[in-house]
PDB file of N, CA and C in Angstrom:
ATOM      1  N   MET A   1     -21.871  93.264 166.453  1.00  0.00           N
ATOM      2  CA  MET A   1     -20.916  91.958 166.127  1.00  0.00           C
ATOM      3  C   MET A   1     -21.217  90.750 165.610  1.00  0.00           C
ATOM      4  N   ALA A   2     -23.034  89.887 166.465  1.00  0.00           N
ATOM      5  CA  ALA A   2     -23.834  89.314 165.909  1.00  0.00           C
ATOM      6  C   ALA A   2     -24.038  89.582 165.654  1.00  0.00           C
ATOM      7  N   HIS A   3     -24.248  90.449 164.376  1.00  0.00           N
ATOM      8  CA  HIS A   3     -25.146  90.332 163.227  1.00  0.00           C
ATOM      9  C   HIS A   3     -24.284  90.632 162.216  1.00  0.00           C
ATOM     10  N   LEU A   4     -23.303  90.171 162.369  1.00  0.00           N
ATOM     11  CA  LEU A   4     -22.363  90.593 161.702  1.00  0.00           C
ATOM     12  C   LEU A   4     -21.678  89.136 161.235  1.00  0.00           C
ATOM     13  N   GLY A   5     -22.378  88.103 162.128  1.00  0.00           N
ATOM     14  CA  GLY A   5     -21.448  86.529 162.771  1.00  0.00           C
ATOM     15  C   GLY A   5     -20.321  86.822 163.322  1.00  0.00           C
ATOM     16  N   VAL A   6     -19.977  87.693 163.921  1.00  0.00           N
ATOM     17  CA  VAL A   6     -18.538  87.389 164.385  1.00  0.00           C
ATOM     18  C   VAL A   6     -18.709  86.997 166.269  1.00  0.00           C
ATOM     19  N   PRO A   7     -17.675  85.874 166.053  1.00  0.00           N
ATOM     20  CA  PRO A   7     -18.143  85.593 167.879  1.00  0.00           C
ATOM     21  C   PRO A   7     -18.235  86.327 168.590  1.00  0.00           C
ATOM     22  N   HIS A   8     -18.489  86.252 170.065  1.00  0.00           N
ATOM     23  CA  HIS A   8     -18.518  87.364 171.375  1.00  0.00           C
ATOM     24  C   HIS A   8     -16.833  87.243 171.574  1.00  0.00           C
ATOM     25  N   ALA A   9     -16.193  86.340 172.112  1.00  0.00           N
ATOM     26  CA  ALA A   9     -15.078  86.470 172.070  1.00  0.00           C
ATOM     27  C   ALA A   9     -14.060  87.264 171.351  1.00  0.00           C
ATOM     28  N   PHE A  10     -14.442  87.018 170.035  1.00  0.00           N
ATOM     29  CA  PHE A  10     -13.515  88.415 168.945  1.00  0.00           C
ATOM     30  C   PHE A  10     -13.501  89.283 168.500  1.00  0.00           C
ATOM     31  N   ALA A  11     -15.309  89.749 169.031  1.00  0.00           N
ATOM     32  CA  ALA A  11     -15.637  90.468 168.882  1.00  0.00           C
ATOM     33  C   ALA A  11     -15.208  91.521 170.590  1.00  0.00           C
ATOM     34  N   VAL A  12     -15.020  90.949 171.455  1.00  0.00           N
ATOM     35  CA  VAL A  12     -14.389  91.559 172.271  1.00  0.00           C
ATOM     36  C   VAL A  12     -13.634  91.818 172.544  1.00  0.00           C
ATOM     37  N   LYS A  13     -12.123  91.367 171.789  1.00  0.00           N
ATOM     38  CA  LYS A  13     -10.929  91.620 171.567  1.00  0.00           C
ATOM     39  C   LYS A  13     -10.916  92.874 170.433  1.00  0.00           C
ATOM     40  N   ASN A  14     -12.101  93.071 169.688  1.00  0.00           N
ATOM     41  CA  ASN A  14     -11.406  93.829 168.516  1.00  0.00           C
ATOM     42  C   ASN A  14     -12.312  95.334 169.593  1.00  0.00           C
ATOM     43  N   CYS A  15     -13.397  94.605 170.631  1.00  0.00           N
ATOM     44  CA  CYS A  15     -13.717  96.128 170.576  1.00  0.00           C
ATOM     45  C   CYS A  15     -12.209  96.871 171.736  1.00  0.00           C
ATOM     46  N   LYS A  16     -11.906  95.885 171.629  1.00  0.00           N
ATOM     47  CA  LYS A  16     -10.392  96.775 173.513  1.00  0.00           C
ATOM     48  C   LYS A  16      -9.478  96.832 172.279  1.00  0.00           C
ATOM     49  N   ASP A  17      -9.102  96.307 171.156  1.00  0.00           N
ATOM     50  CA  ASP A  17      -7.569  96.922 169.909  1.00  0.00           C
ATOM     51  C   ASP A  17      -8.980  98.545 169.346  1.00  0.00           C
ATOM     52  N   GLU A  18      -9.901  98.751 168.615  1.00  0.00           N
ATOM     53  CA  GLU A  18     -10.226  99.128 168.566  1.00  0.00           C
ATOM     54  C   GLU A  18     -10.779 100.694 169.131  1.00  0.00           C
ATOM     55  N   TYR A  19     -12.206 100.628 169.177  1.00  0.00           N
ATOM     56  CA  TYR A  19     -12.511 101.769 169.461  1.00  0.00           C
ATOM     57  C   TYR A  19     -14.043 101.589 170.606  1.00  0.00           C
ATOM     58  N   GLY A  20     -13.221 100.930 170.735  1.00  0.00           N
ATOM     59  CA  GLY A  20     -14.593 100.447 171.903  1.00  0.00           C
ATOM     60  C   GLY A  20     -15.357 100.283 171.201  1.00  0.00           C
ATOM     61  N   ALA A  21     -16.974 100.456 171.002  1.00  0.00           N
ATOM     62  CA  ALA A  21     -18.151  99.340 170.872  1.00  0.00           C
ATOM     63  C   ALA A  21     -18.617  99.859 169.671  1.00  0.00           C
ATOM     64  N   TYR A  22     -16.708  99.499 169.102  1.00  0.00           N
ATOM     65  CA  TYR A  22     -17.050 100.875 167.599  1.00  0.00           C
ATOM     66  C   TYR A  22     -16.927 100.188 166.150  1.00  0.00           C
ATOM     67  N   VAL A  23     -16.544  99.321 164.622  1.00  0.00           N
ATOM     68  CA  VAL A  23     -16.338  98.828 164.634  1.00  0.00           C
ATOM     69  C   VAL A  23     -15.522  99.164 163.141  1.00  0.00           C
ATOM     70  N   SER A  24     -14.480  99.575 162.908  1.00  0.00           N
ATOM     71  CA  SER A  24     -13.982 100.282 161.994  1.00  0.00           C
ATOM     72  C   SER A  24     -14.368  99.941 160.669  1.00  0.00           C
ATOM     73  N   TYR A  25     -14.041 101.173 159.770  1.00  0.00           N
ATOM     74  CA  TYR A  25     -14.377 100.603 158.292  1.00  0.00           C
ATOM     75  C   TYR A  25     -13.050  99.646 157.245  1.00  0.00           C
ATOM     76  N   LYS A  26     -12.165  99.914 157.655  1.00  0.00           N
ATOM     77  CA  LYS A  26     -10.595  98.375 157.710  1.00  0.00           C
ATOM     78  C   LYS A  26     -11.356  97.372 157.981  1.00  0.00           C
ATOM     79  N   THR A  27     -12.240  97.273 159.513  1.00  0.00           N
ATOM     80  CA  THR A  27     -12.415  95.883 159.985  1.00  0.00           C
ATOM     81  C   THR A  27     -13.669  95.374 159.080  1.00  0.00           C
ATOM     82  N   LEU A  28     -15.149  96.207 159.384  1.00  0.00           N
ATOM     83  CA  LEU A  28     -16.129  96.144 158.213  1.00  0.00           C
ATOM     84  C   LEU A  28     -15.100  95.367 156.051  1.00  0.00           C
ATOM     85  N   LYS A  29     -14.894  96.441 156.350  1.00  0.00           N
ATOM     86  CA  LYS A  29     -14.006  96.140 154.827  1.00  0.00           C
ATOM     87  C   LYS A  29     -13.159  94.120 154.669  1.00  0.00           C
ATOM     88  N   THR A  30     -12.861  94.154 155.356  1.00  0.00           N
ATOM     89  CA  THR A  30     -12.237  92.719 156.038  1.00  0.00           C
ATOM     90  C   THR A  30     -13.147  91.663 156.031  1.00  0.00           C
ATOM     91  N   TYR A  31     -14.041  91.914 156.416  1.00  0.00           N
ATOM     92  CA  TYR A  31     -15.220  90.258 156.825  1.00  0.00           C
ATOM     93  C   TYR A  31     -16.322  91.148 155.097  1.00  0.00           C
ATOM     94  N   TYR A  32     -16.301  92.663 154.903  1.00  0.00           N
ATOM     95  CA  TYR A  32     -16.698  91.887 153.192  1.00  0.00           C
ATOM     96  C   TYR A  32     -16.150  90.841 153.442  1.00  0.00           C
ATOM     97  N   GLU A  33     -15.149  91.713 152.884  1.00  0.00           N
ATOM     98  CA  GLU A  33     -14.613  90.577 151.657  1.00  0.00           C
ATOM     99  C   GLU A  33     -13.723  88.866 152.272  1.00  0.00           C
ATOM    100  N   ASP A  34     -13.398  88.677 153.156  1.00  0.00           N
ATOM    101  CA  ASP A  34     -14.455  87.152 153.468  1.00  0.00           C
ATOM    102  C   ASP A  34     -15.663  86.930 153.731  1.00  0.00           C
ATOM    103  N   TYR A  35     -16.068  87.511 154.063  1.00  0.00           N
ATOM    104  CA  TYR A  35     -18.147  86.946 153.181  1.00  0.00           C
ATOM    105  C   TYR A  35     -18.240  86.633 151.855  1.00  0.00           C
ATOM    106  N   LEU A  36     -17.800  87.666 151.062  1.00  0.00           N
ATOM    107  CA  LEU A  36     -18.445  87.176 149.165  1.00  0.00           C
ATOM    108  C   LEU A  36     -17.159  86.108 149.107  1.00  0.00           C
ATOM    109  N   SER A  37     -15.007  86.629 149.788  1.00  0.00           N
ATOM    110  CA  SER A  37     -15.688  85.156 149.144  1.00  0.00           C
ATOM    111  C   SER A  37     -15.991  83.855 148.915  1.00  0.00           C
ATOM    112  N   ALA A  38     -16.283  83.644 150.547  1.00  0.00           N
ATOM    113  CA  ALA A  38     -17.277  82.151 150.908  1.00  0.00           C
ATOM    114  C   ALA A  38     -18.139  82.031 150.043  1.00  0.00           C
ATOM    115  N   ALA A  39     -18.451  82.956 150.662  1.00  0.00           N
ATOM    116  CA  ALA A  39     -20.185  82.626 149.421  1.00  0.00           C
ATOM    117  C   ALA A  39     -19.897  82.504 148.183  1.00  0.00           C
ATOM    118  N   THR A  40     -18.740  83.097 147.341  1.00  0.00           N
ATOM    119  CA  THR A  40     -18.608  82.672 146.114  1.00  0.00           C
ATOM    120  C   THR A  40     -17.619  81.117 145.855  1.00  0.00           C
ATOM    121  N   ARG A  41     -17.050  81.114 147.432  1.00  0.00           N
ATOM    122  CA  ARG A  41     -16.744  79.497 147.210  1.00  0.00           C
ATOM    123  C   ARG A  41     -18.122  78.714 146.948  1.00  0.00           C
ATOM    124  N   LEU A  42     -19.259  78.904 147.345  1.00  0.00           N
ATOM    125  CA  LEU A  42     -20.106  78.189 147.496  1.00  0.00           C
ATOM    126  C   LEU A  42     -21.246  78.978 147.288  1.00  0.00           C
ATOM    127  N   ARG A  43     -21.006  79.387 146.150  1.00  0.00           N
ATOM    128  CA  ARG A  43     -21.515  79.018 144.369  1.00  0.00           C
ATOM    129  C   ARG A  43     -22.319  78.434 144.146  1.00  0.00           C
ATOM    130  N   ASP A  44     -22.067  77.975 143.821  1.00  0.00           N
ATOM    131  CA  ASP A  44     -22.446  76.522 143.314  1.00  0.00           C
ATOM    132  C   ASP A  44     -22.942  75.160 143.999  1.00  0.00           C
ATOM    133  N   ALA A  45     -23.125  75.887 145.248  1.00  0.00           N
ATOM    134  CA  ALA A  45     -23.684  74.773 146.318  1.00  0.00           C
ATOM    135  C   ALA A  45     -24.645  73.742 146.434  1.00  0.00           C
ATOM    136  N   GLN A  46     -24.424  72.410 147.037  1.00  0.00           N
ATOM    137  CA  GLN A  46     -25.432  71.150 145.662  1.00  0.00           C
ATOM    138  C   GLN A  46     -26.511  70.695 147.397  1.00  0.00           C
ATOM    139  N   THR A  47     -25.716  70.604 148.413  1.00  0.00           N
ATOM    140  CA  THR A  47     -26.292  70.087 149.428  1.00  0.00           C
ATOM    141  C   THR A  47     -27.195  71.656 149.912  1.00  0.00           C
ATOM    142  N   LEU A  48     -27.691  71.552 150.921  1.00  0.00           N
ATOM    143  CA  LEU A  48     -28.933  72.214 151.863  1.00  0.00           C
ATOM    144  C   LEU A  48     -28.151  73.224 152.963  1.00  0.00           C
ATOM    145  N   LYS A  49     -27.152  71.624 153.611  1.00  0.00           N
ATOM    146  CA  LYS A  49     -26.277  73.082 154.601  1.00  0.00           C
ATOM    147  C   LYS A  49     -24.939  73.229 153.918  1.00  0.00           C
ATOM    148  N   GLU A  50     -24.628  73.285 152.642  1.00  0.00           N
ATOM    149  CA  GLU A  50     -24.265  74.466 151.955  1.00  0.00           C
ATOM    150  C   GLU A  50     -24.951  75.350 151.127  1.00  0.00           C
ATOM    151  N   ILE A  51     -26.130  75.231 151.504  1.00  0.00           N
ATOM    152  CA  ILE A  51     -27.393  76.356 150.975  1.00  0.00           C
ATOM    153  C   ILE A  51     -27.115  77.766 151.830  1.00  0.00           C
ATOM    154  N   ARG A  52     -27.713  77.233 152.873  1.00  0.00           N
ATOM    155  CA  ARG A  52     -26.945  77.833 154.532  1.00  0.00           C
ATOM    156  C   ARG A  52     -25.977  78.543 154.612  1.00  0.00           C
ATOM    157  N   GLU A  53     -25.510  78.112 154.385  1.00  0.00           N
ATOM    158  CA  GLU A  53     -24.201  78.294 155.322  1.00  0.00           C
ATOM    159  C   GLU A  53     -23.383  79.063 153.791  1.00  0.00           C
ATOM    160  N   ARG A  54     -23.772  79.926 152.413  1.00  0.00           N
ATOM    161  CA  ARG A  54     -23.475  79.844 151.338  1.00  0.00           C
ATOM    162  C   ARG A  54     -24.120  81.542 152.032  1.00  0.00           C
ATOM    163  N   ASP A  55     -25.829  81.421 152.207  1.00  0.00           N
ATOM    164  CA  ASP A  55     -26.575  82.722 152.617  1.00  0.00           C
ATOM    165  C   ASP A  55     -26.408  83.059 153.874  1.00  0.00           C
ATOM    166  N   ARG A  56     -26.149  82.377 154.385  1.00  0.00           N
ATOM    167  CA  ARG A  56     -25.585  83.302 155.505  1.00  0.00           C
ATOM    168  C   ARG A  56     -24.708  83.289 154.955  1.00  0.00           C
ATOM    169  N   HIS A  57     -23.716  83.702 155.240  1.00  0.00           N
ATOM    170  CA  HIS A  57     -22.860  84.557 154.600  1.00  0.00           C
ATOM    171  C   HIS A  57     -22.718  85.603 153.233  1.00  0.00           C
ATOM    172  N   MET A  58     -24.258  84.914 152.765  1.00  0.00           N
ATOM    173  CA  MET A  58     -24.095  86.806 152.327  1.00  0.00           C
ATOM    174  C   MET A  58     -24.867  88.008 152.875  1.00  0.00           C
ATOM    175  N   ILE A  59     -25.016  86.932 153.821  1.00  0.00           N
ATOM    176  CA  ILE A  59     -26.574  87.608 154.472  1.00  0.00           C
ATOM    177  C   ILE A  59     -25.471  88.300 154.981  1.00  0.00           C
ATOM    178  N   ALA A  60     -24.107  87.978 155.416  1.00  0.00           N
ATOM    179  CA  ALA A  60     -23.702  88.993 156.273  1.00  0.00           C
ATOM    180  C   ALA A  60     -22.792  89.535 155.572  1.00  0.00           C
ATOM    181  N   CYS A  61     -22.880  89.105 154.552  1.00  0.00           N
ATOM    182  CA  CYS A  61     -21.787  90.509 153.502  1.00  0.00           C
ATOM    183  C   CYS A  61     -22.181  91.187 153.495  1.00  0.00           C
ATOM    184  N   LEU A  62     -23.254  91.086 152.322  1.00  0.00           N
ATOM    185  CA  LEU A  62     -24.719  92.177 152.550  1.00  0.00           C
ATOM    186  C   LEU A  62     -24.221  93.943 153.957  1.00  0.00           C
ATOM    187  N   LYS A  63     -24.996  92.688 155.181  1.00  0.00           N
ATOM    188  CA  LYS A  63     -24.896  93.282 155.976  1.00  0.00           C
ATOM    189  C   LYS A  63     -23.100  94.178 156.237  1.00  0.00           C
ATOM    190  N   CYS A  64     -21.869  93.698 156.515  1.00  0.00           N
ATOM    191  CA  CYS A  64     -21.231  94.645 156.590  1.00  0.00           C
ATOM    192  C   CYS A  64     -21.084  95.502 155.425  1.00  0.00           C
ATOM    193  N   TYR A  65     -21.506  95.047 153.964  1.00  0.00           N
ATOM    194  CA  TYR A  65     -21.433  97.032 152.341  1.00  0.00           C
ATOM    195  C   TYR A  65     -22.621  97.482 153.528  1.00  0.00           C
ATOM    196  N   PHE A  66     -23.671  97.366 153.294  1.00  0.00           N
ATOM    197  CA  PHE A  66     -24.645  98.412 154.470  1.00  0.00           C
ATOM    198  C   PHE A  66     -24.903  99.100 155.246  1.00  0.00           C
ATOM    199  N   LEU A  67     -23.495  98.218 156.381  1.00  0.00           N
ATOM    200  CA  LEU A  67     -22.717  99.440 157.753  1.00  0.00           C
ATOM    201  C   LEU A  67     -22.096 100.200 157.287  1.00  0.00           C
ATOM    202  N   TYR A  68     -21.413  99.346 156.350  1.00  0.00           N
ATOM    203  CA  TYR A  68     -19.948 100.533 155.154  1.00  0.00           C
ATOM    204  C   TYR A  68     -20.157 101.444 154.575  1.00  0.00           C
ATOM    205  N   LEU A  69     -21.363 101.889 154.232  1.00  0.00           N
ATOM    206  CA  LEU A  69     -22.436 102.911 153.626  1.00  0.00           C
ATOM    207  C   LEU A  69     -22.384 103.310 153.780  1.00  0.00           C
ATOM    208  N   ILE A  70     -23.453 103.360 155.526  1.00  0.00           N
ATOM    209  CA  ILE A  70     -23.556 103.622 156.171  1.00  0.00           C
ATOM    210  C   ILE A  70     -22.637 104.769 157.336  1.00  0.00           C
TER     211      ILE A  70
END
């Protein structure tokens, strides 16, 4: 979950709610959609902070997508 940018407390809660130390396809899809929409909102980033935030969202989005494929 750390590689997906999810806070530790939320990851612990997710593990209790779902299947232990796994993440469901539904959850991965939700993360993917959230990160994609956040990256899209920052598409025309101007400041260095916005650019870094956009890149962070894009990387997390790709990681979710690749995990979903695997």
